[in-house]
Protein backbone atom coordinates (compact mmCIF):
# COMPACT_ATOMS: atom_id res chain seq x y z
CA MET A 1 -20.93 -34.97 -10.82
CA VAL A 2 -19.63 -33.34 -7.62
CA ALA A 3 -16.04 -33.90 -8.76
CA LYS A 4 -16.84 -32.34 -12.14
CA ASP A 5 -18.37 -29.25 -10.50
CA SER A 6 -15.38 -29.01 -8.18
CA CYS A 7 -12.98 -29.06 -11.14
CA LYS A 8 -15.03 -26.39 -12.90
CA ILE A 9 -14.94 -24.15 -9.83
CA GLU A 10 -11.17 -24.61 -9.52
CA GLU A 11 -10.78 -23.68 -13.18
CA LEU A 12 -12.89 -20.54 -12.64
CA LYS A 13 -10.77 -19.62 -9.62
CA LYS A 14 -7.58 -20.08 -11.61
CA LYS A 15 -8.91 -17.81 -14.34
CA ALA A 16 -10.04 -15.29 -11.72
CA ARG A 17 -6.53 -15.22 -10.22
CA ASP A 18 -5.08 -14.53 -13.67
CA HIS A 19 -7.58 -11.72 -14.18
CA THR A 20 -6.63 -10.14 -10.84
CA VAL A 21 -2.97 -10.10 -11.88
CA LYS A 22 -3.99 -8.38 -15.10
CA GLU A 23 -6.12 -5.92 -13.13
CA GLY A 24 -3.21 -5.30 -10.78
CA ILE A 25 -0.98 -4.36 -13.70
CA PHE A 26 -3.41 -1.66 -14.82
CA ALA A 27 -3.88 -0.57 -11.21
CA SER A 28 -0.11 0.02 -11.22
CA VAL A 29 -0.67 2.33 -14.21
CA LYS A 30 -3.09 4.35 -12.10
CA ASN A 31 -0.70 4.40 -9.16
CA SER A 32 2.46 5.07 -11.16
CA PHE A 33 1.00 7.97 -13.13
CA GLY A 34 -1.42 9.20 -10.50
CA SER A 35 -1.42 8.19 -6.84
CA TYR A 36 2.36 8.31 -6.38
CA TYR A 37 2.41 11.85 -7.77
CA ILE A 38 -0.29 13.43 -5.61
CA SER A 39 2.19 14.70 -3.01
CA PRO A 40 4.72 15.95 -5.61
CA PHE A 41 1.80 17.64 -7.37
CA ALA A 42 0.82 19.34 -4.09
CA VAL A 43 4.40 20.59 -3.77
CA ALA A 44 4.32 21.81 -7.40
CA ILE A 45 1.19 23.94 -6.84
CA ASN A 46 2.81 25.50 -3.76
CA ALA A 47 0.80 23.71 -1.10
CA SER A 48 2.21 24.28 2.39
CA SER A 49 4.28 21.53 4.04
CA SER A 50 1.49 21.06 6.57
CA LEU A 51 -1.08 20.55 3.82
CA VAL A 52 1.17 17.99 2.09
CA ALA A 53 1.35 16.06 5.37
CA LEU A 54 -2.41 16.54 5.79
CA LEU A 55 -3.03 14.64 2.54
CA THR A 56 -1.70 11.50 4.23
CA SER A 57 -3.49 12.30 7.46
CA ILE A 58 -6.83 12.65 5.67
CA SER A 59 -6.36 9.36 3.85
CA GLY A 60 -5.63 7.69 7.19
CA LEU A 61 -8.99 8.87 8.52
CA LEU A 62 -11.33 8.73 5.50
CA GLY A 63 -9.90 5.49 4.11
CA PRO A 64 -10.77 3.27 7.08
CA LEU A 65 -14.13 4.99 7.62
CA SER A 66 -14.97 4.20 3.99
CA GLN A 67 -13.90 0.59 4.50
CA VAL A 68 -16.25 0.22 7.45
CA PHE A 69 -19.07 1.46 5.22
CA GLY A 70 -17.89 -0.90 2.48
CA SER A 71 -17.97 -3.88 4.83
CA LYS A 72 -21.65 -3.18 5.52
CA LEU A 73 -22.37 -3.15 1.79
CA ILE A 74 -21.22 -6.78 1.51
CA THR A 75 -24.33 -7.85 3.44
CA LYS A 76 -26.61 -6.22 0.85
CA HIS A 77 -24.77 -6.41 -2.47
CA SER A 78 -22.41 -8.75 -4.26
CA ARG A 79 -18.72 -8.04 -3.82
CA LYS A 80 -18.33 -7.69 -7.56
CA LYS A 81 -21.05 -5.03 -7.79
CA ILE A 82 -19.45 -3.02 -4.97
CA ILE A 83 -16.04 -3.08 -6.64
CA LEU A 84 -17.36 -2.19 -10.08
CA LYS A 85 -19.19 0.91 -8.85
CA SER A 86 -16.41 2.18 -6.60
CA VAL A 87 -13.65 1.63 -9.18
CA PHE A 88 -15.66 3.49 -11.82
CA LEU A 89 -16.26 6.47 -9.51
CA GLU A 90 -12.63 6.44 -8.45
CA SER A 91 -11.50 6.67 -12.08
CA LEU A 92 -13.68 9.75 -12.63
CA VAL A 93 -11.90 11.72 -9.88
CA TRP A 94 -8.81 12.02 -12.08
CA LEU A 95 -10.68 14.26 -14.52
CA PRO A 96 -11.14 17.27 -12.16
CA LEU A 97 -7.52 16.80 -11.06
CA ILE A 98 -6.58 17.46 -14.68
CA LEU A 99 -8.69 20.63 -14.43
CA ILE A 100 -6.55 21.79 -11.47
CA CYS A 101 -3.47 21.48 -13.70
CA PHE A 102 -5.14 23.74 -16.28
CA LEU A 103 -6.27 26.32 -13.69
CA TYR A 104 -2.81 26.56 -12.14
CA TYR A 105 -1.19 26.89 -15.58
CA LYS A 106 -3.59 29.73 -16.41
CA ASN A 107 -3.05 31.31 -12.97
CA ILE A 108 -6.74 31.00 -12.08
CA LEU A 109 -7.79 30.62 -8.40
CA VAL A 110 -4.21 29.62 -7.56
CA GLN A 111 -4.61 30.17 -3.80
CA MET A 112 -7.65 27.87 -3.69
CA LEU A 113 -6.17 24.98 -5.69
CA PRO A 114 -4.33 23.24 -2.82
CA LEU A 115 -7.61 23.08 -0.87
CA LEU A 116 -9.43 21.84 -3.98
CA LEU A 117 -6.76 19.15 -4.34
CA LEU A 118 -7.34 18.13 -0.72
CA LEU A 119 -11.10 17.87 -1.36
CA LEU A 120 -10.69 15.79 -4.53
CA PHE A 121 -8.10 13.56 -2.90
CA SER A 122 -10.63 12.96 -0.11
CA PHE A 123 -13.20 11.72 -2.66
CA TYR A 124 -10.52 9.57 -4.30
CA THR A 125 -9.66 8.05 -0.92
CA ILE A 126 -13.31 7.27 -0.19
CA PHE A 127 -14.02 5.57 -3.53
CA PHE A 128 -10.76 3.62 -3.43
CA ASN A 129 -11.33 2.27 0.08
CA VAL A 130 -15.05 1.46 -0.10
CA SER A 131 -14.22 -1.54 -2.28
CA HIS A 132 -11.33 -2.89 -0.20
CA PRO A 133 -13.31 -5.14 2.21
CA ALA A 134 -15.10 -6.72 -0.77
CA TRP A 135 -11.78 -7.18 -2.63
CA PHE A 136 -10.03 -8.64 0.44
CA SER A 137 -12.87 -11.10 1.02
CA TRP A 138 -13.02 -11.97 -2.69
CA MET A 139 -9.27 -12.70 -2.91
CA GLY A 140 -9.45 -14.90 0.17
CA ASP A 141 -11.98 -17.10 -1.61
CA ILE A 142 -10.01 -17.58 -4.85
CA VAL A 143 -6.53 -18.16 -3.35
CA ASP A 144 -5.81 -21.42 -1.51
CA GLU A 145 -4.91 -20.99 2.14
CA ASN A 146 -1.61 -22.90 1.97
CA LYS A 147 -0.42 -20.94 -1.08
CA ARG A 148 -1.26 -17.37 -0.11
CA GLY A 149 2.29 -16.34 0.73
CA LYS A 150 3.62 -17.63 -2.59
CA TRP A 151 0.75 -16.38 -4.76
CA PHE A 152 0.49 -12.88 -3.30
CA SER A 153 4.27 -12.46 -3.43
CA LYS A 154 4.22 -13.50 -7.10
CA ARG A 155 1.41 -11.05 -7.85
CA ASN A 156 3.25 -8.29 -6.01
CA LEU A 157 6.41 -9.10 -7.97
CA ILE A 158 4.72 -8.67 -11.33
CA ILE A 159 2.81 -5.54 -10.34
CA GLY A 160 5.87 -4.07 -8.65
CA PHE A 161 7.95 -4.52 -11.79
CA PHE A 162 5.48 -2.44 -13.79
CA SER A 163 5.25 0.14 -11.01
CA VAL A 164 9.00 0.74 -11.03
CA ILE A 165 9.26 1.10 -14.80
CA LEU A 166 6.18 3.29 -15.17
CA THR A 167 6.80 5.54 -12.16
CA ILE A 168 10.40 6.33 -13.05
CA SER A 169 9.40 6.86 -16.69
CA ALA A 170 6.76 9.31 -15.47
CA ALA A 171 9.43 11.15 -13.44
CA PHE A 172 11.64 11.64 -16.50
CA LEU A 173 8.58 12.79 -18.44
CA LEU A 174 7.78 15.34 -15.73
CA ASP A 175 11.36 16.62 -15.71
CA TYR A 176 11.20 17.05 -19.49
CA PHE A 177 8.01 19.12 -19.26
CA LYS A 178 9.48 21.08 -16.34
CA SER A 179 12.54 21.96 -18.45
CA LYS A 180 10.16 23.39 -21.06
CA GLY A 181 8.23 25.37 -18.45
CA LEU A 182 5.20 23.07 -18.85
CA THR A 183 5.15 21.22 -15.52
CA MET A 184 1.36 21.37 -15.24
CA LEU A 185 0.96 19.91 -18.72
CA GLY A 186 3.13 17.01 -17.59
CA PHE A 187 1.00 16.38 -14.51
CA GLY A 188 -2.15 16.65 -16.60
CA LEU A 189 -0.88 14.00 -18.99
CA LEU A 190 0.00 11.67 -16.12
CA PHE A 191 -3.42 12.07 -14.53
CA LEU A 192 -5.09 11.32 -17.87
CA LEU A 193 -3.12 8.06 -18.10
CA ALA A 194 -4.11 7.28 -14.50
CA PHE A 195 -7.77 7.75 -15.45
CA LEU A 196 -7.43 5.37 -18.42
CA GLY A 197 -5.58 2.79 -16.33
CA ARG A 198 -8.24 2.68 -13.63
CA LEU A 199 -11.03 2.58 -16.17
CA THR A 200 -9.37 -0.49 -17.68
CA CYS A 201 -9.40 -2.11 -14.22
CA TRP A 202 -13.16 -1.58 -14.15
CA ARG A 203 -13.51 -3.39 -17.48
CA ILE A 204 -11.38 -6.32 -16.27
CA PHE A 205 -13.34 -6.75 -13.03
CA ARG A 206 -16.50 -7.24 -15.08
CA ASN A 207 -15.09 -10.60 -16.28
CA VAL A 208 -13.76 -11.95 -12.98
CA TYR A 209 -15.47 -14.95 -11.37
CA GLU A 210 -16.91 -14.31 -7.91
CA PRO A 211 -17.49 -17.33 -5.64
CA LYS A 212 -20.79 -17.20 -3.82
CA ILE A 213 -20.64 -16.24 -0.18
CA LYS A 214 -23.42 -16.71 2.36
CA LEU A 215 -23.42 -14.29 5.26
CA LYS A 216 -25.45 -15.15 8.32
CA LYS A 217 -26.51 -12.67 10.97
CA ALA A 218 -23.91 -14.20 13.31
CA ASP A 219 -21.19 -13.32 10.78
CA CYS A 220 -21.96 -9.62 11.03
CA ILE A 221 -19.67 -8.01 13.58
CA SER A 222 -20.22 -4.51 14.89
CA PHE A 223 -17.26 -2.18 15.18
CA TRP A 224 -17.96 -1.78 18.88
CA ASP A 225 -17.79 -5.56 19.50
CA PHE A 226 -14.53 -5.74 17.54
CA LEU A 227 -13.09 -2.80 19.50
CA VAL A 228 -14.10 -4.15 22.92
CA ASN A 229 -12.55 -7.55 22.18
CA THR A 230 -9.25 -6.29 20.76
CA PRO A 231 -7.22 -6.86 23.97
CA LYS A 232 -8.75 -10.33 24.42
CA ASN A 233 -7.68 -12.13 21.25
CA ASN A 234 -4.64 -12.56 19.04
CA LEU A 235 -5.96 -10.59 16.08
CA GLY A 236 -7.09 -7.79 18.38
CA ARG A 237 -3.66 -7.47 19.97
CA PHE A 238 -2.10 -7.45 16.51
CA THR A 239 -4.54 -4.69 15.54
CA ILE A 240 -3.41 -2.61 18.51
CA PHE A 241 0.24 -3.15 17.58
CA ARG A 242 -0.38 -2.18 13.94
CA SER A 243 -2.27 0.96 14.88
CA PHE A 244 0.50 2.21 17.16
CA PHE A 245 3.13 1.25 14.60
CA ALA A 246 1.17 3.14 11.92
CA PHE A 247 1.11 6.17 14.22
CA ALA A 248 4.87 6.02 14.74
CA THR A 249 5.57 5.38 11.04
CA TYR A 250 3.46 8.23 9.68
CA ILE A 251 5.06 10.87 11.85
CA THR A 252 7.82 10.87 9.22
CA THR A 253 6.45 9.12 6.10
CA PRO A 254 4.62 12.16 4.60
CA LEU A 255 7.71 14.31 5.20
CA VAL A 256 10.04 12.26 2.99
CA VAL A 257 8.68 13.92 -0.17
CA ILE A 258 9.16 17.37 1.41
CA TYR A 259 12.68 16.48 2.54
CA LEU A 260 13.77 15.25 -0.89
CA LEU A 261 12.02 17.81 -3.11
CA ARG A 262 12.16 20.96 -0.96
CA ASN A 263 15.00 20.58 1.52
CA LEU A 264 17.39 18.79 -0.81
CA GLY A 265 16.00 20.23 -4.06
CA PHE A 266 16.08 17.02 -6.10
CA SER A 267 14.47 16.72 -9.52
CA TYR A 268 11.39 14.52 -10.00
CA ALA A 269 13.53 11.86 -11.69
CA THR A 270 16.08 11.78 -8.84
CA TYR A 271 13.26 11.73 -6.28
CA MET A 272 11.48 8.81 -7.93
CA ILE A 273 14.68 6.84 -8.57
CA ILE A 274 15.49 7.10 -4.86
CA ILE A 275 11.96 6.19 -3.75
CA PHE A 276 11.47 3.34 -6.21
CA SER A 277 14.87 1.82 -5.69
CA GLY A 278 13.15 0.52 -2.57
CA THR A 279 10.49 -1.11 -4.74
CA VAL A 280 13.18 -2.77 -6.87
CA PHE A 281 14.76 -4.34 -3.80
CA SER A 282 11.36 -5.35 -2.45
CA LEU A 283 10.74 -7.25 -5.70
CA LEU A 284 13.99 -9.16 -5.26
CA PHE A 285 12.97 -10.26 -1.77
CA ILE A 286 9.17 -10.55 -1.91
CA GLU A 287 9.09 -14.23 -2.86
CA LEU A 288 11.68 -15.06 -0.21
CA TRP A 289 9.46 -13.39 2.40
CA GLY A 290 6.50 -15.39 1.08
CA GLU A 291 8.40 -18.66 1.38
CA ILE A 292 9.61 -17.83 4.90
CA ALA A 293 6.03 -16.93 5.89
CA ASP A 294 4.65 -20.20 4.50
CA ASN A 295 7.35 -22.29 6.22
CA TYR A 296 8.08 -20.46 9.47
CA GLY A 297 4.95 -18.34 9.93
CA ASN A 298 3.92 -14.76 9.38
CA TYR A 299 4.92 -13.82 12.92
CA THR A 300 8.53 -14.69 12.13
CA VAL A 301 8.52 -12.31 9.18
CA LEU A 302 6.90 -9.61 11.32
CA CYS A 303 9.64 -9.96 13.95
CA ILE A 304 12.49 -9.76 11.44
CA THR A 305 11.09 -6.75 9.60
CA SER A 306 10.05 -4.96 12.79
CA ILE A 307 13.69 -4.91 13.88
CA ILE A 308 14.71 -3.24 10.62
CA LEU A 309 11.97 -0.63 10.09
CA PRO A 310 12.70 1.60 13.13
CA ILE A 311 16.19 2.46 11.84
CA VAL A 312 14.96 3.69 8.44
CA PRO A 313 14.16 7.32 9.49
CA ILE A 314 17.72 7.63 10.88
CA LEU A 315 19.21 6.30 7.64
CA TRP A 316 17.42 9.05 5.67
CA ILE A 317 19.28 11.84 7.49
CA LEU A 318 22.85 10.47 7.66
CA ASN A 319 23.90 11.67 4.21
CA LYS A 320 22.40 13.96 1.55
CA SER A 321 23.98 12.30 -1.48
CA PRO A 322 21.40 10.89 -3.95
CA LEU A 323 23.58 7.79 -4.35
CA TYR A 324 23.59 7.18 -0.58
CA LEU A 325 19.85 7.81 -0.22
CA VAL A 326 19.21 4.70 -2.29
CA ILE A 327 20.32 2.74 0.81
CA PRO A 328 17.52 3.80 3.20
CA SER A 329 15.03 3.41 0.39
CA ALA A 330 16.30 -0.12 -0.34
CA VAL A 331 16.31 -1.14 3.33
CA SER A 332 12.79 0.26 3.72
CA GLY A 333 11.55 -1.53 0.58
CA ILE A 334 12.92 -4.89 1.65
CA ALA A 335 11.49 -4.64 5.16
CA TRP A 336 8.08 -3.26 4.19
CA ALA A 337 7.66 -5.96 1.52
CA GLY A 338 7.84 -8.64 4.19
CA PHE A 339 5.97 -6.69 6.86
CA LEU A 340 2.93 -5.90 4.70
CA LEU A 341 2.77 -9.39 3.16
CA ALA A 342 2.93 -11.02 6.60
CA SER A 343 0.39 -8.56 8.04
CA SER A 344 -2.15 -9.33 5.32
CA ASN A 345 -1.70 -13.10 5.63
CA PHE A 346 -1.79 -12.85 9.44
CA ILE A 347 -5.30 -11.39 9.19
CA TYR A 348 -6.39 -14.20 6.84
CA ASP A 349 -5.04 -16.80 9.29
CA ASN A 350 -6.87 -15.28 12.26
CA THR A 351 -10.24 -14.65 10.59
CA GLU A 352 -13.12 -16.84 9.43
CA ALA A 353 -13.94 -16.52 5.73
CA GLN A 354 -17.42 -15.07 6.31
CA LYS A 355 -16.11 -12.36 8.62
CA ARG A 356 -13.14 -11.17 6.56
CA GLY A 357 -14.89 -8.19 5.03
CA PHE A 358 -15.90 -6.83 8.43
CA VAL A 359 -12.60 -7.64 10.13
CA ILE A 360 -10.34 -6.04 7.51
CA SER A 361 -12.41 -2.85 7.54
CA TYR A 362 -12.32 -2.59 11.35
CA PHE A 363 -8.63 -3.48 11.40
CA ASN A 364 -7.90 -0.72 8.89
CA MET A 365 -10.18 1.66 10.78
CA ILE A 366 -8.10 1.33 13.94
CA SER A 367 -4.73 1.36 12.16
CA GLY A 368 -6.03 4.25 10.02
CA ALA A 369 -6.62 6.23 13.18
CA GLY A 370 -2.93 5.70 13.88
CA ILE A 371 -2.04 7.00 10.41
CA PHE A 372 -4.31 10.02 10.86
CA LEU A 373 -2.87 10.93 14.24
CA GLY A 374 0.73 10.20 13.22
CA ALA A 375 0.58 12.23 10.02
CA GLY A 376 -1.32 14.96 11.87
CA LEU A 377 1.42 15.09 14.50
CA GLY A 378 4.01 15.27 11.74
CA ALA A 379 2.13 18.20 10.15
CA ILE A 380 2.05 20.02 13.50
CA LEU A 381 5.70 19.33 14.27
CA ILE A 382 6.94 20.52 10.86
CA LYS A 383 5.15 23.80 11.47
CA PHE A 384 6.10 24.45 15.08
CA VAL A 385 9.35 22.59 15.85
CA ASN A 386 12.19 25.09 16.05
CA THR A 387 15.66 24.01 17.15
CA SER A 388 19.12 25.43 16.59
CA LEU A 389 20.83 22.04 16.86
CA VAL A 390 19.44 20.48 13.67
CA GLU A 391 16.89 21.30 10.98
CA PRO A 392 13.31 20.80 12.27
CA ILE A 393 12.63 18.05 9.73
CA ILE A 394 15.75 16.17 10.92
CA ALA A 395 14.53 16.36 14.51
CA ILE A 396 11.16 14.92 13.45
CA PHE A 397 12.88 11.98 11.70
CA ILE A 398 14.70 11.20 14.97
CA ILE A 399 11.43 11.41 16.93
CA GLY A 400 9.77 9.06 14.42
CA ALA A 401 12.57 6.48 14.72
CA LEU A 402 12.37 6.46 18.53
CA ALA A 403 8.58 6.09 18.38
CA ARG A 404 8.88 3.04 16.09
CA MET A 405 11.41 1.41 18.42
CA LEU A 406 9.15 1.84 21.44
CA VAL A 407 6.10 0.39 19.68
CA VAL A 408 8.00 -2.68 18.47
CA TYR A 409 9.54 -3.27 21.90
CA PHE A 410 6.26 -3.12 23.81
CA GLY A 411 3.74 -4.29 21.20
CA LEU A 412 5.00 -7.18 19.10
CA SER A 413 5.57 -9.53 22.05
CA GLN A 414 1.80 -9.50 22.70
CA VAL A 415 1.10 -11.32 19.40
CA ASN A 416 1.34 -15.08 18.70
CA GLU A 417 1.51 -17.29 15.61
CA ILE A 418 -1.51 -19.61 15.36
CA LYS A 419 -0.63 -21.41 12.13
CA LYS A 420 1.31 -24.66 12.41
CA THR A 421 4.78 -23.92 11.07
CA ARG A 422 8.34 -25.14 11.36
CA LYS A 423 10.16 -24.10 14.52
CA ILE A 424 13.32 -22.02 14.29
CA HIS A 425 16.12 -23.33 16.49
CA SER A 426 18.94 -21.53 14.71
CA PRO A 427 19.30 -18.80 12.06
CA LYS A 428 21.12 -21.42 9.97
CA GLU A 429 17.77 -23.11 9.40
CA PHE A 430 16.88 -20.42 6.88
CA THR A 431 19.48 -22.00 4.60
CA ASP A 432 17.26 -25.08 4.45
CA ILE A 433 14.70 -23.13 2.44
CA ASP A 434 14.80 -24.05 -1.23
CA LEU A 435 16.16 -20.68 -2.33
CA LYS A 436 15.82 -21.60 -5.98
CA GLU A 437 12.07 -21.86 -5.42
CA ALA A 438 11.75 -19.15 -2.78
CA ARG A 439 13.93 -16.48 -4.33
CA PRO A 440 14.57 -17.02 -8.03
CA THR A 441 17.64 -15.60 -9.68
CA ILE A 442 17.23 -12.28 -11.44
CA MET A 443 17.06 -14.09 -14.77
CA GLU A 444 14.31 -16.38 -13.45
CA GLU A 445 12.40 -13.37 -12.12
CA ALA A 446 12.79 -11.64 -15.47
CA HIS A 447 11.41 -14.75 -17.20
CA GLU A 448 8.49 -14.78 -14.74
CA ILE A 449 7.70 -11.17 -15.49
CA MET A 450 8.05 -11.58 -19.25
CA SER A 451 5.56 -14.46 -19.12
CA ILE A 452 2.78 -12.05 -18.15
CA LYS A 453 1.43 -12.23 -21.69
CA LYS A 454 -0.66 -15.18 -20.51
CA TYR A 455 -2.63 -12.80 -18.28
CA PHE A 456 -3.72 -10.80 -21.31
CA LYS A 457 -5.22 -13.73 -23.18
CA GLU A 458 -8.97 -13.50 -23.12
């Protein structure tokens, strides 16, 4: 009887994993037609460079605060209920964003629209992040511990494929409307599709199995306790490293859109092709990173990618050719794919199942403070830096690169791998990985992606 129940639970978990892949595909619709175009939309309605950077800064502050609130909700409500409500409210935010498109097109309250966008984006950030602790905890319960690297990399591969196709298609659509003098109509159409995509996610979540979780009073961690203990444990030291690295990263990250669209004057299609070429390369390497993480540990992946990421801001400013700019985007995509995958799995490895919801929210709260301060510093620098040697934005990219190097040098050595993994005695050992399994050929990846029809079977 116990074995039968166990098999039934495993079957429910398998179906739940398939549903989350399906949900992720429609989430990519929301991102590709909506989230990825918030900053370009701000540029299009003549928001100042500081306000464009402030969009990222605000998300770095409100996002983690919302996650802390969301972690508390897990003690009172089911994770599924939390996600359903927040996803539904998040989808509704796209409707007033469509209204902004109409108002700008009709030249109504034009000066106020950037501030209205900032307000609506704040609500979007809150609703999106409230559900993250519940989602993170939920995924940890339906994905086996020894297969997380492989499964999450596979999920990211499928979702990333859709993101690339949809986002670049949206860019060409925007350029078409821009050529007709109907840019706002193009943005309005994209935001409508984003609304429909997120609403579909809400419908899918209604059918996903949620394993029961019992939270005891001892499992509830206060933010203060987590903060006080950060220097004393492995996860805490990793949290400190991630927060400082987020600070250094986001000095420049919000300025890339300004650099490409305003300083270099690229079209939306050129901009998105450059940006999402990084996603294409990340898809080619994501399963390799997952296999390396499962075999050699997440810390190994963090070390490799942390050596690469500090040079990315410098690569952006070496050449202004669109063809060349694919290179920094590709290098960034490859490195961030491994860094983010390893970071997420590192938290799973260092956290008890019952405490995941609290831990991920506090972790993101501290790293979010880094994002807020980093993006805020970038917004201040772009407004006040004035040098005759190079353009101000170029100087900020150099500052951002140096900041990343310093954080990696001083911070990463304080973190340790706790999972039992294979030891690396020589770089040649990476050739021992079954590359056919770890990194399929392009044709095998294409077959994997084309097989997604199974996720749409009810």
